N, C-alpha and C. Protein backbone atom coordinates (compact mmCIF):
# COMPACT_ATOMS: atom_id res chain seq x y z
N UNK A 1 11.57 2.41 43.98
CA UNK A 1 11.90 2.18 45.44
C UNK A 1 13.02 3.40 45.62
N UNK A 2 13.91 3.13 46.31
CA UNK A 2 15.41 3.85 46.31
C UNK A 2 15.10 5.23 47.00
N UNK A 3 15.59 6.28 46.67
CA UNK A 3 15.67 7.72 47.06
C UNK A 3 14.45 8.34 46.68
N UNK A 4 13.64 8.87 47.80
CA UNK A 4 12.40 9.54 47.52
C UNK A 4 12.87 10.69 46.75
N UNK A 5 11.65 10.84 45.56
CA UNK A 5 11.97 11.71 44.69
C UNK A 5 13.22 11.93 43.76
N UNK A 6 14.35 10.95 43.77
CA UNK A 6 15.46 11.02 43.26
C UNK A 6 15.21 11.26 41.65
N UNK A 7 14.45 10.67 41.18
CA UNK A 7 14.19 10.66 39.34
C UNK A 7 13.82 12.09 39.15
N UNK A 8 12.77 12.39 40.14
CA UNK A 8 12.07 14.04 39.91
C UNK A 8 13.10 15.21 40.00
N UNK A 9 14.23 14.86 40.90
CA UNK A 9 15.37 15.90 41.25
C UNK A 9 16.19 15.70 39.74
N UNK A 10 16.73 14.31 39.48
CA UNK A 10 17.69 14.20 38.46
C UNK A 10 17.17 14.61 37.15
N UNK A 11 15.71 14.50 36.74
CA UNK A 11 15.24 15.03 35.46
C UNK A 11 15.33 16.66 35.18
N UNK A 12 15.45 17.16 36.50
CA UNK A 12 15.71 18.61 36.29
C UNK A 12 17.04 19.16 35.48
N UNK A 13 18.19 17.97 35.47
CA UNK A 13 19.26 18.31 35.25
C UNK A 13 19.77 17.45 34.10
N UNK A 14 19.09 16.39 34.12
CA UNK A 14 19.56 15.15 32.68
C UNK A 14 19.26 15.76 31.60
N UNK A 15 20.28 15.18 30.59
CA UNK A 15 20.44 15.42 29.45
C UNK A 15 20.73 14.45 28.64
N UNK A 16 20.06 13.87 27.41
CA UNK A 16 20.70 13.06 26.49
C UNK A 16 22.03 13.17 25.93
N UNK A 17 22.74 11.93 25.82
CA UNK A 17 24.20 12.22 25.31
C UNK A 17 24.37 11.26 24.08
N UNK A 18 25.21 11.42 22.90
CA UNK A 18 25.51 10.53 22.11
C UNK A 18 26.56 9.80 22.77
N UNK A 19 26.70 8.52 22.12
CA UNK A 19 27.58 7.45 22.76
C UNK A 19 28.94 8.21 22.41
N UNK A 20 29.20 9.00 21.29
CA UNK A 20 30.41 9.49 21.09
C UNK A 20 30.81 10.52 21.98
N UNK A 21 29.77 11.14 22.72
CA UNK A 21 30.22 12.24 23.55
C UNK A 21 30.65 11.60 25.01
N UNK A 22 30.58 10.02 25.27
CA UNK A 22 31.31 9.70 26.48
C UNK A 22 32.62 9.20 26.32
N UNK A 23 33.17 9.29 25.20
CA UNK A 23 34.34 8.85 24.67
C UNK A 23 35.50 8.93 26.10
N UNK A 24 35.89 7.88 26.36
CA UNK A 24 37.00 7.98 27.30
C UNK A 24 36.44 8.10 28.81
N UNK A 25 35.17 8.31 29.07
CA UNK A 25 34.90 8.51 30.18
C UNK A 25 34.36 7.31 31.07
N UNK A 26 34.26 7.10 32.38
CA UNK A 26 33.68 6.22 33.15
C UNK A 26 32.33 6.31 33.40
N UNK A 27 31.42 5.56 33.00
CA UNK A 27 30.01 5.72 32.99
C UNK A 27 29.43 4.52 34.10
N UNK A 28 28.63 5.06 35.02
CA UNK A 28 28.04 3.94 36.09
C UNK A 28 26.78 3.66 35.58
N UNK A 29 26.40 2.31 35.67
CA UNK A 29 25.16 1.70 35.06
C UNK A 29 24.17 1.04 36.15
N UNK A 30 22.90 1.43 36.14
CA UNK A 30 22.23 0.81 37.31
C UNK A 30 21.81 -0.74 36.49
N UNK A 31 22.60 -1.78 37.16
CA UNK A 31 22.51 -2.89 36.34
C UNK A 31 21.08 -3.35 36.45
N UNK A 32 20.44 -3.18 37.55
CA UNK A 32 19.11 -3.49 37.79
C UNK A 32 18.26 -3.09 36.65
N UNK A 33 18.30 -1.72 36.39
CA UNK A 33 17.24 -1.26 35.18
C UNK A 33 17.68 -1.87 34.00
N UNK A 34 18.81 -2.20 33.54
CA UNK A 34 19.52 -2.60 32.33
C UNK A 34 18.85 -4.25 32.09
N UNK A 35 18.88 -5.10 33.49
CA UNK A 35 18.20 -6.21 33.39
C UNK A 35 16.83 -6.19 33.34
N UNK A 36 16.28 -5.37 33.84
CA UNK A 36 14.56 -5.42 33.84
C UNK A 36 14.21 -4.92 32.32
N UNK A 37 15.02 -3.92 31.77
CA UNK A 37 14.85 -3.56 30.46
C UNK A 37 14.71 -4.78 29.38
N UNK A 38 15.98 -5.31 29.33
CA UNK A 38 16.47 -6.41 28.58
C UNK A 38 15.35 -7.54 28.55
N UNK A 39 14.82 -7.74 30.04
CA UNK A 39 14.21 -9.13 30.08
C UNK A 39 12.89 -8.73 29.66
N UNK A 40 12.41 -7.59 29.30
CA UNK A 40 10.90 -7.38 28.95
C UNK A 40 10.88 -7.35 27.53
N UNK A 41 12.26 -6.97 26.93
CA UNK A 41 12.21 -6.67 25.43
C UNK A 41 12.51 -7.99 24.73
N UNK A 42 13.26 -8.77 25.05
CA UNK A 42 13.75 -9.98 24.64
C UNK A 42 13.21 -11.24 25.27
N UNK A 43 13.14 -12.18 24.38
CA UNK A 43 12.50 -13.31 24.63
C UNK A 43 13.63 -14.32 25.27
N UNK A 44 14.29 -14.83 24.45
CA UNK A 44 15.33 -15.79 24.78
C UNK A 44 16.79 -15.23 25.42
N UNK A 45 17.19 -16.23 26.34
CA UNK A 45 18.37 -16.07 27.15
C UNK A 45 19.34 -15.38 26.35
N UNK A 46 19.65 -16.11 25.10
CA UNK A 46 20.42 -15.97 24.05
C UNK A 46 20.21 -14.42 23.45
N UNK A 47 19.01 -14.14 23.27
CA UNK A 47 18.83 -12.82 22.88
C UNK A 47 19.16 -11.67 23.81
N UNK A 48 19.07 -12.13 25.25
CA UNK A 48 19.48 -11.01 26.14
C UNK A 48 20.71 -10.93 26.44
N UNK A 49 21.51 -12.05 26.38
CA UNK A 49 22.97 -12.23 26.71
C UNK A 49 23.65 -11.31 25.35
N UNK A 50 23.05 -11.50 24.10
CA UNK A 50 23.77 -10.79 22.95
C UNK A 50 23.31 -9.39 23.05
N UNK A 51 22.29 -9.17 23.62
CA UNK A 51 21.78 -7.40 23.88
C UNK A 51 23.00 -6.90 24.69
N UNK A 52 23.48 -7.60 25.88
CA UNK A 52 24.22 -6.78 27.00
C UNK A 52 25.62 -6.95 26.49
N UNK A 53 25.95 -7.86 25.72
CA UNK A 53 27.29 -7.93 24.93
C UNK A 53 27.63 -6.73 24.08
N UNK A 54 26.40 -6.68 23.45
CA UNK A 54 26.49 -5.82 22.16
C UNK A 54 26.49 -4.40 22.84
N UNK A 55 25.64 -4.08 24.08
CA UNK A 55 26.04 -2.62 24.66
C UNK A 55 27.38 -2.56 24.99
N UNK A 56 28.03 -3.58 25.75
CA UNK A 56 29.43 -3.61 26.35
C UNK A 56 30.39 -3.31 25.25
N UNK A 57 30.17 -3.86 24.03
CA UNK A 57 31.26 -3.72 23.03
C UNK A 57 31.21 -2.46 22.20
N UNK A 58 29.96 -1.74 22.37
CA UNK A 58 29.75 -0.33 21.61
C UNK A 58 30.18 0.56 22.91
N UNK A 59 30.30 0.38 24.13
CA UNK A 59 31.02 1.05 25.17
C UNK A 59 32.73 0.97 24.79
N UNK A 60 33.09 -0.03 24.63
CA UNK A 60 34.63 -0.40 24.30
C UNK A 60 35.08 0.27 23.32
N UNK A 61 34.22 0.16 22.37
CA UNK A 61 34.67 0.71 21.13
C UNK A 61 34.80 2.04 20.96
N UNK A 62 34.16 2.79 22.12
CA UNK A 62 34.18 4.07 22.54
C UNK A 62 34.84 4.35 23.52
N UNK A 63 35.73 3.51 24.08
CA UNK A 63 36.78 3.73 25.18
C UNK A 63 35.91 4.06 26.45
N UNK A 64 34.80 3.52 26.56
CA UNK A 64 34.21 3.84 27.91
C UNK A 64 34.09 2.83 28.40
N UNK A 65 34.76 3.18 30.25
CA UNK A 65 34.69 2.12 31.07
C UNK A 65 33.30 2.10 31.61
N UNK A 66 32.65 0.63 31.59
CA UNK A 66 31.09 0.69 32.32
C UNK A 66 31.45 0.10 33.64
N UNK A 67 31.19 0.57 34.71
CA UNK A 67 30.94 0.34 36.03
C UNK A 67 29.52 -0.07 36.50
N UNK A 68 29.26 -1.31 36.71
CA UNK A 68 27.94 -1.56 37.03
C UNK A 68 27.37 -1.83 37.93
N UNK A 69 26.46 -1.03 38.76
CA UNK A 69 26.06 -0.80 40.18
C UNK A 69 24.80 -1.79 40.48
N UNK A 70 24.96 -2.80 41.48
CA UNK A 70 23.86 -3.65 41.77
C UNK A 70 23.27 -3.23 43.04
N UNK A 71 22.06 -3.43 43.20
CA UNK A 71 21.13 -3.15 44.45
C UNK A 71 21.69 -4.06 45.58
N UNK A 72 21.80 -3.69 46.62
CA UNK A 72 22.31 -4.90 47.64
C UNK A 72 20.83 -5.54 48.18
N UNK A 73 20.90 -6.15 49.47
CA UNK A 73 19.83 -6.79 50.04
C UNK A 73 19.03 -5.65 50.34
N UNK A 74 17.65 -5.72 50.11
CA UNK A 74 16.87 -4.70 50.36
C UNK A 74 16.58 -4.87 51.95
N UNK A 75 16.64 -3.38 52.54
CA UNK A 75 16.19 -3.68 54.28
C UNK A 75 14.78 -4.10 54.68
N UNK A 76 14.73 -4.64 55.68
CA UNK A 76 13.40 -5.05 56.25
C UNK A 76 12.29 -3.99 55.99
N UNK A 77 12.59 -2.59 56.09
CA UNK A 77 11.53 -1.62 55.51
C UNK A 77 10.84 -1.75 54.68
N UNK A 78 11.52 -2.48 53.51
CA UNK A 78 11.28 -2.23 52.22
C UNK A 78 9.98 -3.48 51.67
N UNK A 79 10.11 -4.50 52.88
CA UNK A 79 9.68 -5.82 52.51
C UNK A 79 8.08 -5.57 51.97
N UNK A 80 7.23 -4.73 52.96
CA UNK A 80 6.02 -4.71 52.40
C UNK A 80 5.92 -4.20 51.09
N UNK A 81 6.49 -3.51 50.63
CA UNK A 81 6.56 -2.84 49.10
C UNK A 81 7.11 -3.89 48.26
N UNK A 82 7.92 -4.44 48.55
CA UNK A 82 8.29 -5.64 47.57
C UNK A 82 7.30 -6.67 47.51
N UNK A 83 6.52 -7.12 48.76
CA UNK A 83 5.69 -7.97 48.40
C UNK A 83 4.35 -7.55 47.73
């Protein structure tokens, strides 16, 4: 959902980074994407929590400040799409 063709635009300038290249940076993280990805990979809640904490600890070791961004309540216009 989100912004129409946003990923199409972002992929024209996106490039991968090694974690070390982000040392000392502030990084915005789409919490919804993280949650869905981890939820599909791991079975138990314990594994899911360990995965999240592992990622956060990796960022902490590299002096990265993660800012988690959560979607708000979807507007009524998206209701049909969500259903």
